[in-house]
Amino acid sequence: MPWIDLRSDTVTQPTPAMRQAMATAEVGDDVYQDDPTVIQLERLAADMLGKEDALFVPTGVFGNQLAVFTHCRRGDEVIAGDDSHLVWHENGAAAVISGVQLRTIASRQGLLEPSEIASRIRVGEDIHIPRTGLICLENAHGNGRVIPLATMEATAATARKHGVPIHLDGARVFNAATYLGCDVKAITQHVDTVMCCLSKGLAAPVGSILAGPAAFIKRARYNRKLLGGGWRQAGVIAAPGILALTEMTQRLDVDHDNATYLAQQLAEVPGIEVDMEDVHINMVWFALPDGVDVPRLMRAFEAAGIRANGAYGGKMRLVTHWQIDREAIDRTVSVIRSVVAG
């Protein structure tokens, strides 16, 4: 029996078409910049994201940290949300790799008020203070919420006023665009650089994209090599990335609809609390009733062929993706219902 894996959309396996594309991909040596499939992927990504150029990188964390490393000089300050992926889940890499310090802002469910950002930008030439080197945003946020375009626009205006670049952690930026019902460029036009993951809901087996101005990407390519990220015959993994962008971006609404269905089913279980207003993309966060035996729930999941993460901050998260259908959701909710009922 195949597993129902709801831990994250990082668990997605490549589609049959992706596996075929990997087997037949034309390859070269990307360090020499002559892998035609990587070149095709990077040109496609740059065009879709509305940027001059793009770079294929191993992971989302690599892409974010490469952006910080390329934008900033040592000792700079980077403004970011206190609950952002950059702060919480990237191993302190900004300090280790780039020698920068993070100046965090308390977010409102992932949203950073432009006025709060403005108040933290270092102004003037005082020799006692660090330079504000970068503003980092996240859309969609890791909590599953999407940041409104008006907020992105207002933040961009603030950044331009002070001459500070913006980098977008757009790991799920295509999910954000799907939720907003807009072209992804409507989001990325408000930032200087953007990282997007190919290996989450877009189902490629590996890889992310860093996109931005051509001069920036030229420097980032140098820095990618410095950090050990030079590819050789990378066309075999770039090929599924092309399908991720051309095909899988067009079906993310299915994952979102399934997440809404999951949330609705969970809300009908007595005692479970689901905030339906938080279900923007493919993530459902919910609180179990007090007294539920979580270890028993996890054992019941395993016995039913279901993989899920335990409670995080008092809540559980389930994530839909192309390998999760309504039948899988019904089976999952049935297990939860039986354990909650005792």
Protein backbone atom coordinates (compact mmCIF):
# COMPACT_ATOMS: atom_id res chain seq x y z
CA MET A 1 0.00 0.00 0.00
CA PRO A 2 1.53 3.36 -1.00
CA TRP A 3 1.98 5.84 1.83
CA ILE A 4 -0.24 8.88 2.17
CA ASP A 5 2.40 11.47 2.99
CA LEU A 6 1.06 14.73 4.39
CA ARG A 7 4.21 15.89 6.20
CA SER A 8 5.03 18.54 3.59
CA ASP A 9 4.99 19.21 -0.13
CA THR A 10 8.74 18.55 -0.05
CA VAL A 11 7.90 14.83 -0.10
CA THR A 12 6.46 15.01 -3.62
CA GLN A 13 7.86 12.47 -6.02
CA PRO A 14 8.54 13.37 -9.66
CA THR A 15 5.71 12.72 -12.09
CA PRO A 16 6.06 10.01 -14.76
CA ALA A 17 6.65 12.76 -17.34
CA MET A 18 9.46 14.15 -15.19
CA ARG A 19 11.12 10.75 -14.94
CA GLN A 20 10.99 10.40 -18.72
CA ALA A 21 12.41 13.89 -19.19
CA MET A 22 15.28 13.04 -16.85
CA ALA A 23 16.10 9.91 -18.85
CA THR A 24 16.23 11.74 -22.18
CA ALA A 25 17.63 15.13 -21.17
CA GLU A 26 20.35 16.67 -23.32
CA VAL A 27 23.27 17.59 -21.07
CA GLY A 28 26.55 19.44 -21.02
CA ASP A 29 28.71 20.87 -18.24
CA ASP A 30 26.96 23.71 -16.47
CA VAL A 31 30.13 25.10 -14.88
CA TYR A 32 31.19 25.80 -18.47
CA GLN A 33 27.62 27.05 -19.03
CA ASP A 34 27.04 24.65 -21.90
CA ASP A 35 24.33 22.39 -20.49
CA PRO A 36 21.44 23.19 -22.87
CA THR A 37 18.72 21.92 -20.55
CA VAL A 38 19.93 24.04 -17.63
CA ILE A 39 20.12 27.05 -19.95
CA GLN A 40 16.56 26.40 -21.09
CA LEU A 41 15.35 26.13 -17.49
CA GLU A 42 17.08 29.34 -16.42
CA ARG A 43 15.74 31.32 -19.38
CA LEU A 44 12.23 29.99 -18.78
CA ALA A 45 12.40 30.81 -15.07
CA ALA A 46 13.70 34.33 -15.68
CA ASP A 47 10.88 34.99 -18.14
CA MET A 48 8.16 33.59 -15.90
CA LEU A 49 9.42 35.47 -12.85
CA GLY A 50 9.85 38.72 -14.75
CA LYS A 51 13.58 39.05 -14.17
CA GLU A 52 16.55 39.56 -16.49
CA ASP A 53 18.33 36.34 -15.60
CA ALA A 54 18.10 33.28 -13.37
CA LEU A 55 20.36 30.68 -11.80
CA PHE A 56 19.63 27.03 -11.04
CA VAL A 57 20.67 26.16 -7.47
CA PRO A 58 20.46 22.99 -5.36
CA THR A 59 17.97 24.05 -2.67
CA GLY A 60 15.79 26.86 -1.40
CA VAL A 61 18.08 27.54 1.55
CA PHE A 62 21.02 27.67 -0.86
CA GLY A 63 19.12 30.17 -3.01
CA ASN A 64 18.18 32.39 -0.08
CA GLN A 65 21.66 32.35 1.40
CA LEU A 66 23.25 32.93 -2.01
CA ALA A 67 21.03 36.00 -2.37
CA VAL A 68 22.09 37.34 1.04
CA PHE A 69 25.75 36.60 0.26
CA THR A 70 25.54 38.36 -3.11
CA HIS A 71 23.52 41.38 -1.98
CA CYS A 72 25.38 42.13 1.23
CA ARG A 73 28.82 42.92 2.52
CA ARG A 74 30.10 41.62 5.85
CA GLY A 75 28.67 43.48 8.83
CA ASP A 76 25.49 44.49 7.03
CA GLU A 77 22.11 44.21 8.64
CA VAL A 78 19.28 42.23 7.03
CA ILE A 79 15.68 43.06 7.93
CA ALA A 80 13.43 40.00 8.14
CA GLY A 81 10.31 38.74 9.89
CA ASP A 82 10.93 37.05 13.22
CA ASP A 83 8.96 34.02 12.05
CA SER A 84 10.53 33.84 8.59
CA HIS A 85 12.24 30.78 7.15
CA LEU A 86 15.48 32.77 6.94
CA VAL A 87 15.42 33.24 10.72
CA TRP A 88 13.90 29.98 11.91
CA HIS A 89 14.99 27.25 9.53
CA GLU A 90 18.29 28.14 7.88
CA ASN A 91 20.74 27.14 10.62
CA GLY A 92 22.09 30.63 11.27
CA ALA A 93 23.63 30.49 7.80
CA ALA A 94 23.44 34.25 7.20
CA ALA A 95 25.89 34.80 10.05
CA VAL A 96 28.16 31.91 9.08
CA ILE A 97 28.29 32.50 5.31
CA SER A 98 27.71 36.22 4.84
CA GLY A 99 28.78 37.65 8.20
CA VAL A 100 25.58 39.68 8.47
CA GLN A 101 23.24 40.22 11.38
CA LEU A 102 19.48 39.80 11.19
CA ARG A 103 17.28 42.62 12.44
CA THR A 104 13.91 41.00 12.97
CA ILE A 105 10.41 42.43 12.99
CA ALA A 106 7.45 40.85 14.76
CA SER A 107 5.17 39.77 11.92
CA ARG A 108 1.40 39.66 11.85
CA GLN A 109 0.87 36.08 10.69
CA GLY A 110 3.71 36.48 8.22
CA LEU A 111 2.89 40.05 7.18
CA LEU A 112 5.47 42.75 7.85
CA GLU A 113 4.03 46.25 8.13
CA PRO A 114 5.88 48.58 5.73
CA SER A 115 6.02 51.23 8.47
CA GLU A 116 7.79 48.76 10.76
CA ILE A 117 10.31 48.00 8.04
CA ALA A 118 10.88 51.72 7.46
CA SER A 119 11.54 52.29 11.16
CA ARG A 120 14.35 49.74 11.11
CA ILE A 121 16.22 50.94 8.04
CA ARG A 122 19.49 52.53 9.09
CA VAL A 123 19.66 56.09 7.79
CA GLY A 124 22.74 58.27 7.55
CA GLU A 125 26.47 57.71 7.80
CA ASP A 126 26.90 57.28 11.54
CA ILE A 127 30.06 55.20 12.00
CA HIS A 128 28.50 53.39 14.98
CA ILE A 129 25.72 51.67 13.08
CA PRO A 130 25.64 48.91 10.47
CA ARG A 131 24.40 49.43 6.94
CA THR A 132 20.97 48.07 6.05
CA GLY A 133 22.00 45.76 3.24
CA LEU A 134 18.79 43.90 2.45
CA ILE A 135 15.12 43.43 3.23
CA CYS A 136 13.85 39.84 3.08
CA LEU A 137 10.18 39.04 2.53
CA GLU A 138 8.38 35.70 2.28
CA ASN A 139 5.36 35.00 0.06
CA ALA A 140 3.62 32.64 0.48
CA HIS A 141 4.66 32.52 4.11
CA GLY A 142 5.65 29.25 5.77
CA ASN A 143 2.45 29.41 7.81
CA GLY A 144 0.50 29.03 4.58
CA ARG A 145 -0.78 32.60 4.37
CA VAL A 146 -0.34 34.84 1.32
CA ILE A 147 0.84 38.44 1.63
CA PRO A 148 -1.40 40.95 -0.22
CA LEU A 149 -0.05 42.72 -3.30
CA ALA A 150 -0.76 46.12 -1.73
CA THR A 151 1.62 45.29 1.12
CA MET A 152 4.29 44.14 -1.31
CA GLU A 153 3.90 47.38 -3.26
CA ALA A 154 4.11 49.58 -0.17
CA THR A 155 7.22 47.76 1.04
CA ALA A 156 8.84 48.19 -2.37
CA ALA A 157 8.19 51.93 -2.25
CA THR A 158 9.82 52.15 1.17
CA ALA A 159 12.84 50.15 0.01
CA ARG A 160 13.29 52.27 -3.13
CA LYS A 161 13.13 55.47 -1.06
CA HIS A 162 16.12 54.29 0.97
CA GLY A 163 17.96 52.46 -1.80
CA VAL A 164 17.73 49.07 -0.07
CA PRO A 165 17.16 45.94 -2.21
CA ILE A 166 14.45 43.40 -1.44
CA HIS A 167 14.88 39.64 -1.71
CA LEU A 168 11.79 37.44 -1.77
CA ASP A 169 11.82 33.96 -0.29
CA GLY A 170 9.31 32.75 -2.84
CA ALA A 171 9.64 29.05 -2.10
CA ARG A 172 5.90 28.81 -2.80
CA VAL A 173 5.47 32.00 -4.82
CA PHE A 174 3.47 30.16 -7.50
CA ASN A 175 1.08 29.01 -4.77
CA ALA A 176 0.77 32.64 -3.72
CA ALA A 177 0.02 33.72 -7.29
CA THR A 178 -2.58 30.95 -7.62
CA TYR A 179 -4.31 32.11 -4.44
CA LEU A 180 -4.27 35.75 -5.56
CA GLY A 181 -5.46 34.81 -9.06
CA CYS A 182 -2.65 36.75 -10.68
CA ASP A 183 0.43 36.20 -12.80
CA VAL A 184 3.45 35.51 -10.60
CA LYS A 185 5.10 38.65 -12.03
CA ALA A 186 2.47 40.72 -10.20
CA ILE A 187 4.23 39.61 -7.01
CA THR A 188 7.85 39.53 -8.15
CA GLN A 189 7.72 43.01 -9.74
CA HIS A 190 7.94 44.40 -6.21
CA VAL A 191 11.27 42.73 -5.36
CA ASP A 192 14.79 42.86 -6.74
CA THR A 193 15.53 39.15 -6.45
CA VAL A 194 13.44 36.05 -5.83
CA MET A 195 14.05 32.44 -4.95
CA CYS A 196 11.44 29.84 -5.87
CA CYS A 197 11.50 26.11 -5.16
CA LEU A 198 10.94 23.58 -7.90
CA SER A 199 10.90 20.66 -5.47
CA LYS A 200 7.90 21.43 -3.25
CA GLY A 201 4.41 21.55 -4.73
CA LEU A 202 5.91 21.70 -8.22
CA ALA A 203 7.20 18.14 -7.70
CA ALA A 204 10.67 18.31 -9.23
CA PRO A 205 13.04 15.98 -7.35
CA VAL A 206 15.61 18.66 -6.61
CA GLY A 207 16.45 22.30 -7.22
CA SER A 208 15.43 25.92 -6.84
CA ILE A 209 15.76 29.11 -8.88
CA LEU A 210 17.35 32.42 -7.95
CA ALA A 211 16.30 35.20 -10.32
CA GLY A 212 17.13 38.89 -10.59
CA PRO A 213 19.05 41.49 -12.59
CA ALA A 214 21.64 40.13 -15.00
CA ALA A 215 24.57 41.76 -13.17
CA PHE A 216 23.37 40.29 -9.87
CA ILE A 217 23.03 36.78 -11.32
CA LYS A 218 26.53 37.05 -12.81
CA ARG A 219 27.90 37.71 -9.32
CA ALA A 220 25.67 35.02 -7.85
CA ARG A 221 27.01 32.47 -10.37
CA TYR A 222 30.53 33.24 -9.13
CA ASN A 223 29.37 32.93 -5.52
CA ARG A 224 27.51 29.71 -6.24
CA LYS A 225 30.80 28.16 -7.37
CA LEU A 226 32.55 29.56 -4.31
CA LEU A 227 29.99 27.83 -2.09
CA GLY A 228 30.41 24.51 -3.90
CA GLY A 229 27.22 24.73 -5.92
CA GLY A 230 28.64 24.32 -9.41
CA TRP A 231 26.75 21.73 -11.46
CA ARG A 232 28.18 19.41 -14.09
CA GLN A 233 25.71 17.41 -16.23
CA ALA A 234 22.80 19.03 -14.42
CA GLY A 235 20.39 18.76 -17.34
CA VAL A 236 19.10 15.49 -15.90
CA ILE A 237 17.70 17.39 -12.92
CA ALA A 238 16.92 20.61 -14.78
CA ALA A 239 14.58 18.74 -17.15
CA PRO A 240 11.95 18.02 -14.48
CA GLY A 241 12.33 21.62 -13.35
CA ILE A 242 11.10 22.74 -16.76
CA LEU A 243 8.00 20.59 -16.35
CA ALA A 244 7.59 21.94 -12.82
CA LEU A 245 7.30 25.45 -14.24
CA THR A 246 5.31 24.71 -17.38
CA GLU A 247 2.91 22.04 -16.12
CA MET A 248 2.80 21.80 -12.34
CA THR A 249 2.27 25.53 -11.78
CA GLN A 250 -0.98 25.18 -13.73
CA ARG A 251 -2.55 22.67 -11.32
CA LEU A 252 -1.76 24.16 -7.91
CA ASP A 253 -5.40 25.17 -7.56
CA VAL A 254 -6.21 21.46 -7.18
CA ASP A 255 -3.92 21.23 -4.14
CA HIS A 256 -5.50 24.37 -2.71
CA ASP A 257 -9.01 23.03 -3.22
CA ASN A 258 -8.01 19.76 -1.55
CA ALA A 259 -6.57 21.68 1.39
CA THR A 260 -9.85 23.55 1.78
CA TYR A 261 -11.73 20.24 1.65
CA LEU A 262 -9.38 18.80 4.28
CA ALA A 263 -9.90 21.82 6.53
CA GLN A 264 -13.67 21.55 6.17
CA GLN A 265 -13.64 17.86 7.07
CA LEU A 266 -11.41 18.46 10.09
CA ALA A 267 -13.64 21.29 11.29
CA GLU A 268 -16.50 18.80 11.54
CA VAL A 269 -14.59 16.63 14.03
CA PRO A 270 -15.79 17.56 17.54
CA GLY A 271 -13.17 19.53 19.43
CA ILE A 272 -10.81 20.23 16.54
CA GLU A 273 -10.15 23.89 15.85
CA VAL A 274 -9.36 25.00 12.31
CA ASP A 275 -9.09 28.64 11.26
CA MET A 276 -10.48 28.48 7.76
CA GLU A 277 -9.24 32.02 7.06
CA ASP A 278 -5.67 30.74 7.34
CA VAL A 279 -6.11 28.16 4.56
CA HIS A 280 -4.76 30.15 1.64
CA ILE A 281 -2.65 27.57 -0.18
CA ASN A 282 -1.99 23.87 0.40
CA MET A 283 -1.44 23.91 4.17
CA VAL A 284 -3.91 23.17 6.94
CA TRP A 285 -3.01 23.97 10.55
CA PHE A 286 -5.33 22.71 13.28
CA ALA A 287 -5.45 22.21 17.03
CA LEU A 288 -6.48 18.89 18.53
CA PRO A 289 -8.83 18.79 21.51
CA ASP A 290 -7.22 18.85 24.95
CA GLY A 291 -6.36 15.40 26.21
CA VAL A 292 -5.92 13.72 22.85
CA ASP A 293 -3.17 11.10 23.01
CA VAL A 294 -0.89 12.39 20.24
CA PRO A 295 1.51 9.40 20.33
CA ARG A 296 -1.53 7.15 19.88
CA LEU A 297 -2.62 9.28 16.92
CA MET A 298 0.82 8.94 15.33
CA ARG A 299 0.71 5.16 15.79
CA ALA A 300 -2.75 5.07 14.24
CA PHE A 301 -1.46 7.08 11.28
CA GLU A 302 1.41 4.65 10.74
CA ALA A 303 -0.90 1.64 10.95
CA ALA A 304 -3.12 3.23 8.30
CA GLY A 305 -0.21 4.02 5.97
CA ILE A 306 -0.25 7.75 6.69
CA ARG A 307 2.77 9.93 7.33
CA ALA A 308 2.33 13.18 9.26
CA ASN A 309 4.39 15.32 11.57
CA GLY A 310 3.45 15.69 15.21
CA ALA A 311 2.24 18.85 16.88
CA TYR A 312 4.31 22.01 16.36
CA GLY A 313 3.65 24.91 18.69
CA GLY A 314 0.47 23.24 19.86
CA LYS A 315 -0.86 22.66 16.34
CA MET A 316 -0.55 20.04 13.64
CA ARG A 317 0.06 20.80 9.97
CA LEU A 318 -1.06 18.70 7.03
CA VAL A 319 0.03 19.62 3.50
CA THR A 320 -1.62 18.61 0.24
CA HIS A 321 0.18 18.06 -3.07
CA TRP A 322 -0.26 16.27 -6.39
CA GLN A 323 -0.15 12.82 -4.77
CA ILE A 324 -2.92 13.57 -2.25
CA ASP A 325 -6.49 13.10 -3.46
CA ARG A 326 -9.89 13.25 -1.75
CA GLU A 327 -9.79 9.53 -0.91
CA ALA A 328 -6.49 10.01 0.91
CA ILE A 329 -7.95 12.97 2.79
CA ASP A 330 -11.05 11.01 3.81
CA ARG A 331 -8.89 8.17 5.12
CA THR A 332 -6.74 10.61 7.10
CA VAL A 333 -9.70 12.41 8.66
CA SER A 334 -11.27 9.04 9.53
CA VAL A 335 -8.18 8.09 11.54
CA ILE A 336 -8.16 11.44 13.34
CA ARG A 337 -11.87 11.19 14.07
CA SER A 338 -11.50 7.71 15.59
CA VAL A 339 -8.61 8.73 17.85
CA VAL A 340 -10.33 11.94 18.99
CA ALA A 341 -13.48 9.95 19.79
CA GLY A 342 -11.36 7.75 22.06
